[in-house]
Amino acid sequence: MTLSQFQPYISIEEYLQAEKSSPIKHEYIQGQIYAMAGASDAHVTITANLVALLRNHIRGTGCRLYVADMKARIESLDIFYYPDIMVTCDSRDTQFEYFKRYPSLIIEVLSPSTEALDRGDKFSDYQELDTLQEYVLVSQNRQRIDCFRRNSEERWVLYSYRVNQQLELTSVNFSCPLADVYEDVAFPPNLSK
C-alpha cells in the first residue's frame, strides 16, 4: 500500500465516488488514500482456494462472502480497507452497496510488503468492528495460518495452524485441511513447512 501522489484531504463521499470509476483500488485512512499493489500467483491461488471452499460452505446460510473488491468500513476510525476475503452474516450489510460494516470474518493473505501492516495497525483497526469474530492471516510462503479469534471476554486469542493440520473457522462453522487452502501453490525452496 503506497500513498497516492495527489494527497490533499479527501472526504469519505469524495473517496467513495472516485473509487467507483478508479482503475486502481485505494484504501482510505482518515482522509488520505493509499493505492493497492498487485498480487503474486501464490496470493491469488490461495485466495481463490479459500473463496471456493468458503462459498460452497456458506451457501444458503444467509451469510455473504466478498473478495478483494469490497471494502470493509471501520466507521469509528474513518477507515476503508479492502480485505482479501470478508464474510458478513449481518442483514444490516445488505443496505450498503460499496462497503460492508458488520463482517464476522476477515482473511488477509500476507505479502512481504503488507505483512507488518496486516499484523499490526490493520489488525488493531479491525478490532474496532464489534461483529468481527475472526481475523485470519494466511502465509503465502509456507503452510501457516494464524487465526485471531475473539473470545467471550472480548480478548483476541491466537490459533496457529501448520502443515497437516485442520483449519477451523468457528465464525462460519468451517473446517478443512490446510492442504486444501494451499492446493496448487508453489512454495519457495526450503520454506514450505
Protein backbone atom coordinates (compact mmCIF):
# COMPACT_ATOMS: atom_id res chain seq x y z
CA MET A 1 0.00 0.00 0.00
CA THR A 2 1.53 3.31 -1.05
CA LEU A 3 0.42 6.87 -0.52
CA SER A 4 -1.03 8.32 -3.70
CA GLN A 5 0.78 11.33 -5.14
CA PHE A 6 -2.08 13.87 -5.02
CA GLN A 7 -2.57 13.99 -1.27
CA PRO A 8 -4.89 16.76 -0.11
CA TYR A 9 -7.50 15.68 2.43
CA ILE A 10 -10.34 13.84 0.72
CA SER A 11 -13.78 13.37 2.26
CA ILE A 12 -15.42 9.95 2.56
CA GLU A 13 -18.03 10.98 -0.01
CA GLU A 14 -15.32 12.07 -2.50
CA TYR A 15 -13.40 8.86 -1.89
CA LEU A 16 -16.41 6.59 -2.43
CA GLN A 17 -17.40 8.44 -5.61
CA ALA A 18 -13.87 8.39 -7.07
CA GLU A 19 -13.36 4.74 -6.19
CA LYS A 20 -16.36 3.70 -8.32
CA SER A 21 -14.50 4.64 -11.51
CA SER A 22 -10.86 4.31 -10.46
CA PRO A 23 -8.79 1.72 -12.37
CA ILE A 24 -6.69 1.32 -9.20
CA LYS A 25 -8.12 0.39 -5.79
CA HIS A 26 -7.31 2.66 -2.86
CA GLU A 27 -7.70 2.19 0.85
CA TYR A 28 -8.86 5.21 2.84
CA ILE A 29 -7.36 6.16 6.19
CA GLN A 30 -8.67 9.32 7.83
CA GLY A 31 -8.74 11.49 4.72
CA GLN A 32 -5.69 10.01 2.97
CA ILE A 33 -5.85 7.41 0.19
CA TYR A 34 -3.34 4.64 -0.45
CA ALA A 35 -3.00 2.76 -3.73
CA MET A 36 -3.19 -1.03 -3.58
CA ALA A 37 -0.48 -3.16 -5.18
CA GLY A 38 -0.98 -6.20 -7.39
CA ALA A 39 -0.76 -9.76 -6.08
CA SER A 40 1.51 -12.76 -6.70
CA ASP A 41 0.47 -16.11 -8.17
CA ALA A 42 0.53 -17.71 -4.71
CA HIS A 43 -1.59 -14.90 -3.25
CA VAL A 44 -4.24 -15.21 -5.95
CA THR A 45 -4.25 -19.03 -5.83
CA ILE A 46 -4.68 -19.12 -2.04
CA THR A 47 -7.46 -16.54 -2.21
CA ALA A 48 -9.24 -18.48 -4.96
CA ASN A 49 -8.96 -21.74 -3.00
CA LEU A 50 -10.42 -20.14 0.13
CA VAL A 51 -13.22 -18.49 -1.82
CA ALA A 52 -14.20 -21.80 -3.43
CA LEU A 53 -14.17 -23.64 -0.10
CA LEU A 54 -15.97 -20.96 1.90
CA ARG A 55 -18.55 -20.02 -0.75
CA ASN A 56 -19.79 -23.58 -1.03
CA HIS A 57 -19.84 -23.91 2.76
CA ILE A 58 -21.90 -20.77 3.50
CA ARG A 59 -24.32 -21.14 0.60
CA GLY A 60 -27.88 -20.96 1.93
CA THR A 61 -26.89 -19.72 5.42
CA GLY A 62 -27.70 -16.04 4.92
CA CYS A 63 -24.01 -15.15 5.06
CA ARG A 64 -22.31 -13.36 2.15
CA LEU A 65 -18.70 -13.72 1.00
CA TYR A 66 -16.80 -10.87 -0.64
CA VAL A 67 -13.44 -10.94 -2.36
CA ALA A 68 -10.81 -8.19 -2.74
CA ASP A 69 -13.07 -5.59 -4.40
CA MET A 70 -15.45 -5.00 -1.47
CA LYS A 71 -14.42 -2.50 1.19
CA ALA A 72 -14.71 -3.00 4.95
CA ARG A 73 -15.70 0.26 6.65
CA ILE A 74 -14.43 0.98 10.14
CA GLU A 75 -16.66 3.94 10.84
CA SER A 76 -15.30 4.79 14.30
CA LEU A 77 -11.82 5.32 12.80
CA ASP A 78 -12.75 6.85 9.42
CA ILE A 79 -11.14 3.93 7.54
CA PHE A 80 -11.96 1.78 4.50
CA TYR A 81 -9.85 -1.33 3.81
CA TYR A 82 -10.08 -3.91 1.03
CA PRO A 83 -9.72 -7.30 2.77
CA ASP A 84 -8.74 -10.24 0.59
CA ILE A 85 -11.82 -12.10 1.84
CA MET A 86 -14.66 -10.89 4.04
CA VAL A 87 -17.76 -12.71 5.27
CA THR A 88 -20.75 -10.92 6.74
CA CYS A 89 -23.76 -12.67 8.22
CA ASP A 90 -25.43 -9.46 9.37
CA SER A 91 -28.54 -8.40 7.45
CA ARG A 92 -27.72 -4.72 8.08
CA ASP A 93 -24.92 -5.05 5.50
CA THR A 94 -27.43 -5.52 2.68
CA GLN A 95 -28.09 -1.76 2.73
CA PHE A 96 -24.52 -0.89 1.68
CA GLU A 97 -23.59 -1.35 -1.98
CA TYR A 98 -19.88 -0.43 -1.99
CA PHE A 99 -18.73 -1.38 1.52
CA LYS A 100 -19.71 -3.56 4.48
CA ARG A 101 -19.72 -2.54 8.14
CA TYR A 102 -20.58 -5.74 10.02
CA PRO A 103 -18.25 -8.58 8.97
CA SER A 104 -17.80 -11.64 11.16
CA LEU A 105 -14.72 -12.97 9.34
CA ILE A 106 -11.84 -11.18 7.60
CA ILE A 107 -8.99 -13.00 5.87
CA GLU A 108 -5.78 -11.39 4.62
CA VAL A 109 -3.24 -13.30 2.53
CA LEU A 110 0.13 -11.95 3.61
CA SER A 111 2.57 -10.35 1.21
CA PRO A 112 6.12 -9.29 2.10
CA SER A 113 5.15 -5.64 1.58
CA THR A 114 1.94 -5.80 3.67
CA GLU A 115 2.63 -8.34 6.43
CA ALA A 116 3.71 -5.80 9.06
CA LEU A 117 0.65 -3.62 8.40
CA ASP A 118 -1.72 -6.64 8.34
CA ARG A 119 -0.37 -7.94 11.67
CA GLY A 120 -0.10 -4.51 13.28
CA ASP A 121 -2.17 -1.41 12.55
CA LYS A 122 -4.71 -3.12 10.32
CA PHE A 123 -5.44 -5.81 12.92
CA SER A 124 -5.74 -3.13 15.60
CA ASP A 125 -8.14 -1.17 13.37
CA TYR A 126 -10.26 -4.22 12.56
CA GLN A 127 -10.72 -4.88 16.28
CA GLU A 128 -13.00 -1.80 16.33
CA LEU A 129 -15.60 -3.86 14.41
CA ASP A 130 -17.89 -5.26 17.12
CA THR A 131 -19.21 -8.01 14.85
CA LEU A 132 -15.76 -9.30 13.86
CA GLN A 133 -15.19 -12.74 15.38
CA GLU A 134 -12.10 -13.91 13.50
CA TYR A 135 -9.17 -12.25 11.75
CA VAL A 136 -7.13 -14.69 9.70
CA LEU A 137 -3.62 -14.19 8.31
CA VAL A 138 -2.52 -16.66 5.64
CA SER A 139 1.15 -17.05 4.71
CA GLN A 140 1.92 -17.46 1.03
CA ASN A 141 5.49 -18.71 1.66
CA ARG A 142 4.68 -21.80 3.73
CA GLN A 143 1.67 -23.70 5.05
CA ARG A 144 0.92 -21.48 8.02
CA ILE A 145 -2.30 -19.75 9.01
CA ASP A 146 -2.74 -17.58 12.09
CA CYS A 147 -6.33 -17.13 13.20
CA PHE A 148 -7.09 -14.50 15.82
CA ARG A 149 -10.42 -15.35 17.45
CA ARG A 150 -12.38 -13.07 19.80
CA ASN A 151 -13.33 -14.93 22.97
CA SER A 152 -16.20 -14.36 25.40
CA GLU A 153 -14.10 -11.84 27.38
CA GLU A 154 -13.57 -9.78 24.17
CA ARG A 155 -9.89 -10.81 24.04
CA TRP A 156 -8.20 -11.95 20.85
CA VAL A 157 -6.70 -15.44 21.09
CA LEU A 158 -4.23 -16.77 18.51
CA TYR A 159 -4.82 -20.18 16.94
CA SER A 160 -1.97 -21.19 14.63
CA TYR A 161 -2.34 -23.88 12.01
CA ARG A 162 0.55 -25.63 10.26
CA VAL A 163 1.11 -28.28 7.58
CA ASN A 164 -1.04 -31.44 8.00
CA GLN A 165 -3.44 -29.67 10.38
CA GLN A 166 -7.11 -28.86 10.03
CA LEU A 167 -8.02 -25.16 9.69
CA GLU A 168 -11.01 -24.21 11.84
CA LEU A 169 -13.03 -21.02 11.40
CA THR A 170 -15.64 -21.01 14.14
CA SER A 171 -17.28 -17.76 12.94
CA VAL A 172 -18.73 -19.67 9.98
CA ASN A 173 -18.55 -23.21 11.43
CA PHE A 174 -15.98 -24.25 8.81
CA SER A 175 -13.02 -26.61 8.75
CA CYS A 176 -10.75 -28.06 6.08
CA PRO A 177 -7.24 -29.50 5.76
CA LEU A 178 -4.54 -26.85 5.27
CA ALA A 179 -3.56 -28.73 2.12
CA ASP A 180 -6.87 -27.63 0.55
CA VAL A 181 -6.06 -23.96 1.18
CA TYR A 182 -2.62 -24.37 -0.41
CA GLU A 183 -3.63 -26.56 -3.36
CA ASP A 184 -1.58 -25.69 -6.47
CA VAL A 185 0.68 -23.24 -4.59
CA ALA A 186 4.39 -23.43 -5.46
CA PHE A 187 6.45 -22.55 -2.39
CA PRO A 188 9.98 -21.14 -2.41
CA PRO A 189 12.57 -23.90 -1.78
CA ASN A 190 13.04 -24.89 1.91
CA LEU A 191 10.16 -22.70 3.12
CA SER A 192 7.19 -24.98 2.57
CA LYS A 193 6.91 -26.22 6.18
